[in-house]
Each structure stands twice: as structure tokens, then as C-alpha cells.
Amino acid sequence: MTLRSFVLPFALLLLAAACATAPKPPPPPPPRDIIVLLPDDQGKTGAIVVSSAGVERRLDRPGQTVTVEAGSPPGLPTVLPDQEARAIAGPALAALPKPPARFILYFEHDSVNLTPESRARLKYVLETIRDRAPVDVSVVGHTDTVGKKEYNYALSMKRAKAVAAILVGKGIDPSVLDITSHGKDNPLVPTGDQVPEPRNRRVEITVR
């Protein structure tokens, strides 16, 4: 074997090795979305319709989920266990603001004086406002149906302002307070006119 005849097959072998190509990687899976219907803080949901490729799926139960691949019809809805649904949607849930906190404070008859129980409850209102700051706080006054409409509107406004004054006196920024009055038009406990219902003599506070 001459040197020439030895080198040529070796060169051809190297060339063949260089021309060999690695196997193609499998194509990536198509983009996929997972839609999960979660309940609100009251355990309720509305309903949504998921539509793709001309097919619609309706979700209307807590934990119901459907998967959609790009360009394909949505899969059949299934209901996930609550723990599994929250594991999927955990990051999104963590980014949501807390649901509004609501308080009701009651008053003595024809007065802007809180009942003893409601005075004790004020500390929880203050704790919630401070914990959630910055916040938007609505303070809405109400009365029962005893008396004239104009008188009760003024009385419920005085109640709302009295509560707002207490909050401001405890260091709450007055600019976060929205004070309104409903008079006797929006009773908590529906009654006829001129009915002295203690549960309607109130201020409702919503902390958002």
C-alpha cells in the first residue's frame, strides 16, 4: 500500500463523518393555554365561554378548566380539585388585590352615638385600614324608617361624618375617606315606613 493509497480512504472517511448530520430534534409542542374558573371570596363564580377554531366551551362551575392549543378547538371542560386549581393559578391569585373588607357599626336610636359593641369593633376597622394602606374607604350612613326622609338623610350623614371623624382622629388620612348618606332609603332589614329597626341605624364601612 503506498502512502497515497492509504491517505485517500482515510480522507474519504473523514469527509463522510463530516457530512453526517445529527438527528433533528422533535418539534416543540404547540402553545397551550389552560383556563381555570376560580370562585370569588364568597365561593361564587360567573360564567365564561372559551372559543377557538369555531368551537365554544362554557365554564360555569368553580374549578372548571379547559385546555386550548393554538389553532385547535378547546378540550372538554373538566373540574379540578380546589388544591390543584389553585396550584395552577397560584401566581395570578397572589397578584390579585385582597377582596374588600366590610364592617357595619350600629347607633343608638335617633343619635350619632355608637352602640357599645360597635365602639369596640372600631379597632378592627382601624387595623384593616392600616394593614391595607394605601386604601379607599367608603363610609355610608343609614337610618331606620322612623321620621321624615329629609330628617333621616341629615341624620345618616351625621352618623357617617361622626365615624369618619373618629377614624381621622386615630390617624387615618381623610383623603382616603368617601362619605355619603342614604337616609332611610336603603335599609339593611326591609320594613314598612315608621318602623324602629335597630339594625337599620348603621354606618357601613368598606375598605378596598
C-alpha atoms as a PDB file:
ATOM      1  CA  MET A   1       0.000   0.000   0.000  1.00  0.00           C
ATOM      2  CA  THR A   2       1.509   3.319  -0.980  1.00  0.00           C
ATOM      3  CA  LEU A   3       1.213   6.346   1.114  1.00  0.00           C
ATOM      4  CA  ARG A   4      -1.149   7.850  -1.445  1.00  0.00           C
ATOM      5  CA  SER A   5      -3.490   4.875  -1.413  1.00  0.00           C
ATOM      6  CA  PHE A   6      -3.550   4.881   2.414  1.00  0.00           C
ATOM      7  CA  VAL A   7      -4.351   8.564   2.809  1.00  0.00           C
ATOM      8  CA  LEU A   8      -7.255   8.672   0.358  1.00  0.00           C
ATOM      9  CA  PRO A   9      -9.605   6.212   2.166  1.00  0.00           C
ATOM     10  CA  PHE A  10      -8.868   7.964   5.460  1.00  0.00           C
ATOM     11  CA  ALA A  11      -9.692  11.314   3.887  1.00  0.00           C
ATOM     12  CA  LEU A  12     -12.920   9.903   2.490  1.00  0.00           C
ATOM     13  CA  LEU A  13     -13.825   8.543   5.910  1.00  0.00           C
ATOM     14  CA  LEU A  14     -13.322  11.940   7.496  1.00  0.00           C
ATOM     15  CA  LEU A  15     -15.426  13.545   4.776  1.00  0.00           C
ATOM     16  CA  ALA A  16     -18.216  11.060   5.342  1.00  0.00           C
ATOM     17  CA  ALA A  17     -18.111  11.732   9.079  1.00  0.00           C
ATOM     18  CA  ALA A  18     -18.235  15.476   8.457  1.00  0.00           C
ATOM     19  CA  CYS A  19     -21.262  15.134   6.193  1.00  0.00           C
ATOM     20  CA  ALA A  20     -23.213  13.046   8.710  1.00  0.00           C
ATOM     21  CA  THR A  21     -25.943  15.172  10.390  1.00  0.00           C
ATOM     22  CA  ALA A  22     -27.325  14.862  13.876  1.00  0.00           C
ATOM     23  CA  PRO A  23     -30.980  13.727  14.060  1.00  0.00           C
ATOM     24  CA  LYS A  24     -33.437  16.607  14.076  1.00  0.00           C
ATOM     25  CA  PRO A  25     -34.906  17.430  17.479  1.00  0.00           C
ATOM     26  CA  PRO A  26     -38.632  16.858  17.776  1.00  0.00           C
ATOM     27  CA  PRO A  27     -40.728  19.933  17.023  1.00  0.00           C
ATOM     28  CA  PRO A  28     -41.759  21.943  20.102  1.00  0.00           C
ATOM     29  CA  PRO A  29     -45.300  21.341  21.305  1.00  0.00           C
ATOM     30  CA  PRO A  30     -47.804  23.943  20.111  1.00  0.00           C
ATOM     31  CA  PRO A  31     -48.543  26.811  22.527  1.00  0.00           C
ATOM     32  CA  ARG A  32     -51.194  25.805  25.028  1.00  0.00           C
ATOM     33  CA  ASP A  33     -53.385  27.835  27.355  1.00  0.00           C
ATOM     34  CA  ILE A  34     -55.097  26.492  30.455  1.00  0.00           C
ATOM     35  CA  ILE A  35     -58.202  28.412  31.585  1.00  0.00           C
ATOM     36  CA  VAL A  36     -59.375  27.822  35.145  1.00  0.00           C
ATOM     37  CA  LEU A  37     -62.612  29.317  36.543  1.00  0.00           C
ATOM     38  CA  LEU A  38     -61.966  30.239  40.176  1.00  0.00           C
ATOM     39  CA  PRO A  39     -64.577  31.249  42.774  1.00  0.00           C
ATOM     40  CA  ASP A  40     -64.616  34.669  44.392  1.00  0.00           C
ATOM     41  CA  ASP A  41     -64.171  35.216  48.125  1.00  0.00           C
ATOM     42  CA  GLN A  42     -67.831  34.196  48.572  1.00  0.00           C
ATOM     43  CA  GLY A  43     -67.258  30.897  46.781  1.00  0.00           C
ATOM     44  CA  LYS A  44     -69.257  32.019  43.731  1.00  0.00           C
ATOM     45  CA  THR A  45     -68.377  32.237  40.053  1.00  0.00           C
ATOM     46  CA  GLY A  46     -69.895  33.745  36.977  1.00  0.00           C
ATOM     47  CA  ALA A  47     -69.503  32.016  33.629  1.00  0.00           C
ATOM     48  CA  ILE A  48     -67.146  32.329  30.689  1.00  0.00           C
ATOM     49  CA  VAL A  49     -67.198  30.957  27.143  1.00  0.00           C
ATOM     50  CA  VAL A  50     -63.893  29.750  25.669  1.00  0.00           C
ATOM     51  CA  SER A  51     -63.865  29.809  21.883  1.00  0.00           C
ATOM     52  CA  SER A  52     -61.252  28.509  19.427  1.00  0.00           C
ATOM     53  CA  ALA A  53     -61.346  27.090  15.886  1.00  0.00           C
ATOM     54  CA  GLY A  54     -65.101  27.590  15.740  1.00  0.00           C
ATOM     55  CA  VAL A  55     -65.837  25.557  18.897  1.00  0.00           C
ATOM     56  CA  GLU A  56     -67.142  27.045  22.151  1.00  0.00           C
ATOM     57  CA  ARG A  57     -66.914  25.645  25.682  1.00  0.00           C
ATOM     58  CA  ARG A  58     -68.834  27.172  28.584  1.00  0.00           C
ATOM     59  CA  LEU A  59     -67.308  27.174  32.078  1.00  0.00           C
ATOM     60  CA  ASP A  60     -69.687  27.964  34.942  1.00  0.00           C
ATOM     61  CA  ARG A  61     -68.562  25.887  37.934  1.00  0.00           C
ATOM     62  CA  PRO A  62     -65.773  26.592  40.428  1.00  0.00           C
ATOM     63  CA  GLY A  63     -62.554  24.807  39.470  1.00  0.00           C
ATOM     64  CA  GLN A  64     -63.752  24.024  35.953  1.00  0.00           C
ATOM     65  CA  THR A  65     -60.888  24.117  33.477  1.00  0.00           C
ATOM     66  CA  VAL A  66     -60.291  23.736  29.775  1.00  0.00           C
ATOM     67  CA  THR A  67     -57.100  23.455  27.726  1.00  0.00           C
ATOM     68  CA  VAL A  68     -56.684  25.163  24.353  1.00  0.00           C
ATOM     69  CA  GLU A  69     -53.865  24.539  21.879  1.00  0.00           C
ATOM     70  CA  ALA A  70     -53.146  27.173  19.257  1.00  0.00           C
ATOM     71  CA  GLY A  71     -55.371  26.719  16.234  1.00  0.00           C
ATOM     72  CA  SER A  72     -57.303  23.793  17.760  1.00  0.00           C
ATOM     73  CA  PRO A  73     -60.739  23.533  19.382  1.00  0.00           C
ATOM     74  CA  PRO A  74     -60.812  23.734  23.183  1.00  0.00           C
ATOM     75  CA  GLY A  75     -60.743  20.422  25.003  1.00  0.00           C
ATOM     76  CA  LEU A  76     -63.663  19.155  27.020  1.00  0.00           C
ATOM     77  CA  PRO A  77     -64.074  21.031  30.350  1.00  0.00           C
ATOM     78  CA  THR A  78     -63.117  19.157  33.490  1.00  0.00           C
ATOM     79  CA  VAL A  79     -63.350  20.073  37.166  1.00  0.00           C
ATOM     80  CA  LEU A  80     -60.072  20.176  39.058  1.00  0.00           C
ATOM     81  CA  PRO A  81     -59.798  19.688  42.819  1.00  0.00           C
ATOM     82  CA  ASP A  82     -59.519  23.057  44.532  1.00  0.00           C
ATOM     83  CA  GLN A  83     -55.910  22.460  45.584  1.00  0.00           C
ATOM     84  CA  GLU A  84     -54.838  21.565  42.046  1.00  0.00           C
ATOM     85  CA  ALA A  85     -56.674  24.523  40.518  1.00  0.00           C
ATOM     86  CA  ARG A  86     -55.008  26.920  42.920  1.00  0.00           C
ATOM     87  CA  ALA A  87     -51.610  25.375  42.194  1.00  0.00           C
ATOM     88  CA  ILE A  88     -52.086  26.231  38.508  1.00  0.00           C
ATOM     89  CA  ALA A  89     -53.434  29.728  39.134  1.00  0.00           C
ATOM     90  CA  GLY A  90     -51.354  30.464  42.222  1.00  0.00           C
ATOM     91  CA  PRO A  91     -49.118  33.204  40.769  1.00  0.00           C
ATOM     92  CA  ALA A  92     -52.118  35.012  39.267  1.00  0.00           C
ATOM     93  CA  LEU A  93     -54.056  34.758  42.526  1.00  0.00           C
ATOM     94  CA  ALA A  94     -51.114  36.079  44.501  1.00  0.00           C
ATOM     95  CA  ALA A  95     -51.102  39.201  42.314  1.00  0.00           C
ATOM     96  CA  LEU A  96     -54.775  39.966  42.921  1.00  0.00           C
ATOM     97  CA  PRO A  97     -55.734  42.626  45.473  1.00  0.00           C
ATOM     98  CA  LYS A  98     -57.466  41.470  48.609  1.00  0.00           C
ATOM     99  CA  PRO A  99     -61.268  41.440  48.452  1.00  0.00           C
ATOM    100  CA  PRO A 100     -62.984  44.412  50.088  1.00  0.00           C
ATOM    101  CA  ALA A 101     -63.392  44.247  53.852  1.00  0.00           C
ATOM    102  CA  ARG A 102     -66.813  45.334  55.120  1.00  0.00           C
ATOM    103  CA  PHE A 103     -67.911  46.473  58.556  1.00  0.00           C
ATOM    104  CA  ILE A 104     -71.242  47.593  59.974  1.00  0.00           C
ATOM    105  CA  LEU A 105     -71.407  49.867  63.015  1.00  0.00           C
ATOM    106  CA  TYR A 106     -74.727  50.433  64.800  1.00  0.00           C
ATOM    107  CA  PHE A 107     -76.096  53.509  66.554  1.00  0.00           C
ATOM    108  CA  GLU A 108     -78.387  54.366  69.393  1.00  0.00           C
ATOM    109  CA  HIS A 109     -81.901  55.486  68.464  1.00  0.00           C
ATOM    110  CA  ASP A 110     -82.064  58.938  66.835  1.00  0.00           C
ATOM    111  CA  SER A 111     -78.423  59.540  67.736  1.00  0.00           C
ATOM    112  CA  VAL A 112     -74.880  59.736  66.379  1.00  0.00           C
ATOM    113  CA  ASN A 113     -73.630  57.667  69.328  1.00  0.00           C
ATOM    114  CA  LEU A 114     -72.347  54.205  68.505  1.00  0.00           C
ATOM    115  CA  THR A 115     -73.600  51.237  70.489  1.00  0.00           C
ATOM    116  CA  PRO A 116     -71.021  49.827  72.935  1.00  0.00           C
ATOM    117  CA  GLU A 117     -70.488  46.764  70.718  1.00  0.00           C
ATOM    118  CA  SER A 118     -69.800  48.916  67.679  1.00  0.00           C
ATOM    119  CA  ARG A 119     -67.389  51.164  69.592  1.00  0.00           C
ATOM    120  CA  ALA A 120     -65.432  48.021  70.447  1.00  0.00           C
ATOM    121  CA  ARG A 121     -65.456  46.969  66.806  1.00  0.00           C
ATOM    122  CA  LEU A 122     -63.826  50.180  65.631  1.00  0.00           C
ATOM    123  CA  LYS A 123     -60.362  48.844  66.436  1.00  0.00           C
ATOM    124  CA  TYR A 124     -60.784  46.142  63.790  1.00  0.00           C
ATOM    125  CA  VAL A 125     -61.741  48.788  61.233  1.00  0.00           C
ATOM    126  CA  LEU A 126     -58.608  50.758  62.065  1.00  0.00           C
ATOM    127  CA  GLU A 127     -56.390  47.660  61.936  1.00  0.00           C
ATOM    128  CA  THR A 128     -57.725  46.743  58.497  1.00  0.00           C
ATOM    129  CA  ILE A 129     -57.227  50.232  57.077  1.00  0.00           C
ATOM    130  CA  ARG A 130     -53.668  50.410  58.378  1.00  0.00           C
ATOM    131  CA  ASP A 131     -52.882  46.890  57.203  1.00  0.00           C
ATOM    132  CA  ARG A 132     -54.065  47.542  53.654  1.00  0.00           C
ATOM    133  CA  ALA A 133     -52.757  51.064  53.186  1.00  0.00           C
ATOM    134  CA  PRO A 134     -52.949  52.721  50.754  1.00  0.00           C
ATOM    135  CA  VAL A 135     -56.707  52.198  50.667  1.00  0.00           C
ATOM    136  CA  ASP A 136     -60.011  53.635  49.577  1.00  0.00           C
ATOM    137  CA  VAL A 137     -62.588  53.671  52.356  1.00  0.00           C
ATOM    138  CA  SER A 138     -66.298  54.335  51.851  1.00  0.00           C
ATOM    139  CA  VAL A 139     -68.343  55.411  54.879  1.00  0.00           C
ATOM    140  CA  VAL A 140     -72.086  55.277  54.237  1.00  0.00           C
ATOM    141  CA  GLY A 141     -74.679  56.383  56.784  1.00  0.00           C
ATOM    142  CA  HIS A 142     -78.167  54.885  57.169  1.00  0.00           C
ATOM    143  CA  THR A 143     -81.237  55.182  59.425  1.00  0.00           C
ATOM    144  CA  ASP A 144     -84.338  53.185  60.148  1.00  0.00           C
ATOM    145  CA  THR A 145     -87.618  54.335  58.632  1.00  0.00           C
ATOM    146  CA  VAL A 146     -88.895  56.347  61.605  1.00  0.00           C
ATOM    147  CA  GLY A 147     -89.258  60.027  60.751  1.00  0.00           C
ATOM    148  CA  LYS A 148     -89.272  62.099  57.601  1.00  0.00           C
ATOM    149  CA  LYS A 149     -86.994  61.405  54.686  1.00  0.00           C
ATOM    150  CA  GLU A 150     -85.173  64.744  54.897  1.00  0.00           C
ATOM    151  CA  TYR A 151     -84.522  64.344  58.618  1.00  0.00           C
ATOM    152  CA  ASN A 152     -83.157  60.828  58.187  1.00  0.00           C
ATOM    153  CA  TYR A 153     -80.918  61.847  55.325  1.00  0.00           C
ATOM    154  CA  ALA A 154     -79.354  64.502  57.537  1.00  0.00           C
ATOM    155  CA  LEU A 155     -79.097  62.080  60.478  1.00  0.00           C
ATOM    156  CA  SER A 156     -77.377  59.369  58.448  1.00  0.00           C
ATOM    157  CA  MET A 157     -74.933  61.933  57.078  1.00  0.00           C
ATOM    158  CA  LYS A 158     -74.123  62.984  60.640  1.00  0.00           C
ATOM    159  CA  ARG A 159     -73.512  59.343  61.532  1.00  0.00           C
ATOM    160  CA  ALA A 160     -71.169  58.852  58.582  1.00  0.00           C
ATOM    161  CA  LYS A 161     -69.278  62.042  59.445  1.00  0.00           C
ATOM    162  CA  ALA A 162     -69.075  61.017  63.115  1.00  0.00           C
ATOM    163  CA  VAL A 163     -67.425  57.724  62.172  1.00  0.00           C
ATOM    164  CA  ALA A 164     -65.116  59.469  59.714  1.00  0.00           C
ATOM    165  CA  ALA A 165     -64.093  61.915  62.444  1.00  0.00           C
ATOM    166  CA  ILE A 166     -63.190  59.022  64.740  1.00  0.00           C
ATOM    167  CA  LEU A 167     -61.066  57.421  62.021  1.00  0.00           C
ATOM    168  CA  VAL A 168     -59.287  60.681  61.239  1.00  0.00           C
ATOM    169  CA  GLY A 169     -58.742  61.243  64.957  1.00  0.00           C
ATOM    170  CA  LYS A 170     -56.966  57.883  65.062  1.00  0.00           C
ATOM    171  CA  GLY A 171     -54.592  58.944  62.286  1.00  0.00           C
ATOM    172  CA  ILE A 172     -56.394  57.850  59.113  1.00  0.00           C
ATOM    173  CA  ASP A 173     -55.743  60.142  56.144  1.00  0.00           C
ATOM    174  CA  PRO A 174     -59.023  61.997  55.434  1.00  0.00           C
ATOM    175  CA  SER A 175     -58.277  61.938  51.692  1.00  0.00           C
ATOM    176  CA  VAL A 176     -58.964  58.157  51.569  1.00  0.00           C
ATOM    177  CA  LEU A 177     -62.462  58.535  53.029  1.00  0.00           C
ATOM    178  CA  ASP A 178     -65.556  58.771  50.825  1.00  0.00           C
ATOM    179  CA  ILE A 179     -68.510  59.866  52.975  1.00  0.00           C
ATOM    180  CA  THR A 180     -72.099  59.505  51.770  1.00  0.00           C
ATOM    181  CA  SER A 181     -75.622  59.242  53.175  1.00  0.00           C
ATOM    182  CA  HIS A 182     -78.542  57.037  52.162  1.00  0.00           C
ATOM    183  CA  GLY A 183     -81.017  58.134  54.829  1.00  0.00           C
ATOM    184  CA  LYS A 184     -83.818  55.603  55.196  1.00  0.00           C
ATOM    185  CA  ASP A 185     -83.837  54.590  51.521  1.00  0.00           C
ATOM    186  CA  ASN A 186     -81.601  51.529  51.794  1.00  0.00           C
ATOM    187  CA  PRO A 187     -82.489  49.551  54.922  1.00  0.00           C
ATOM    188  CA  LEU A 188     -80.429  46.524  55.850  1.00  0.00           C
ATOM    189  CA  VAL A 189     -83.603  44.896  57.147  1.00  0.00           C
ATOM    190  CA  PRO A 190     -86.594  45.715  54.926  1.00  0.00           C
ATOM    191  CA  THR A 191     -89.504  47.145  56.920  1.00  0.00           C
ATOM    192  CA  GLY A 192     -92.509  49.306  56.375  1.00  0.00           C
ATOM    193  CA  ASP A 193     -92.392  53.047  56.991  1.00  0.00           C
ATOM    194  CA  GLN A 194     -92.085  54.346  60.576  1.00  0.00           C
ATOM    195  CA  VAL A 195     -90.675  51.066  61.925  1.00  0.00           C
ATOM    196  CA  PRO A 196     -87.917  51.383  64.568  1.00  0.00           C
ATOM    197  CA  GLU A 197     -85.455  48.686  63.453  1.00  0.00           C
ATOM    198  CA  PRO A 198     -82.097  48.907  65.323  1.00  0.00           C
ATOM    199  CA  ARG A 199     -80.182  47.039  62.606  1.00  0.00           C
ATOM    200  CA  ASN A 200     -81.017  49.784  60.119  1.00  0.00           C
ATOM    201  CA  ARG A 201     -79.411  52.515  62.282  1.00  0.00           C
ATOM    202  CA  ARG A 202     -75.940  51.996  60.964  1.00  0.00           C
ATOM    203  CA  VAL A 203     -72.853  53.073  59.089  1.00  0.00           C
ATOM    204  CA  GLU A 204     -71.391  50.674  56.567  1.00  0.00           C
ATOM    205  CA  ILE A 205     -67.640  50.862  56.017  1.00  0.00           C
ATOM    206  CA  THR A 206     -65.963  49.244  53.024  1.00  0.00           C
ATOM    207  CA  VAL A 207     -62.173  49.084  52.883  1.00  0.00           C
ATOM    208  CA  ARG A 208     -60.704  48.456  49.426  1.00  0.00           C
END
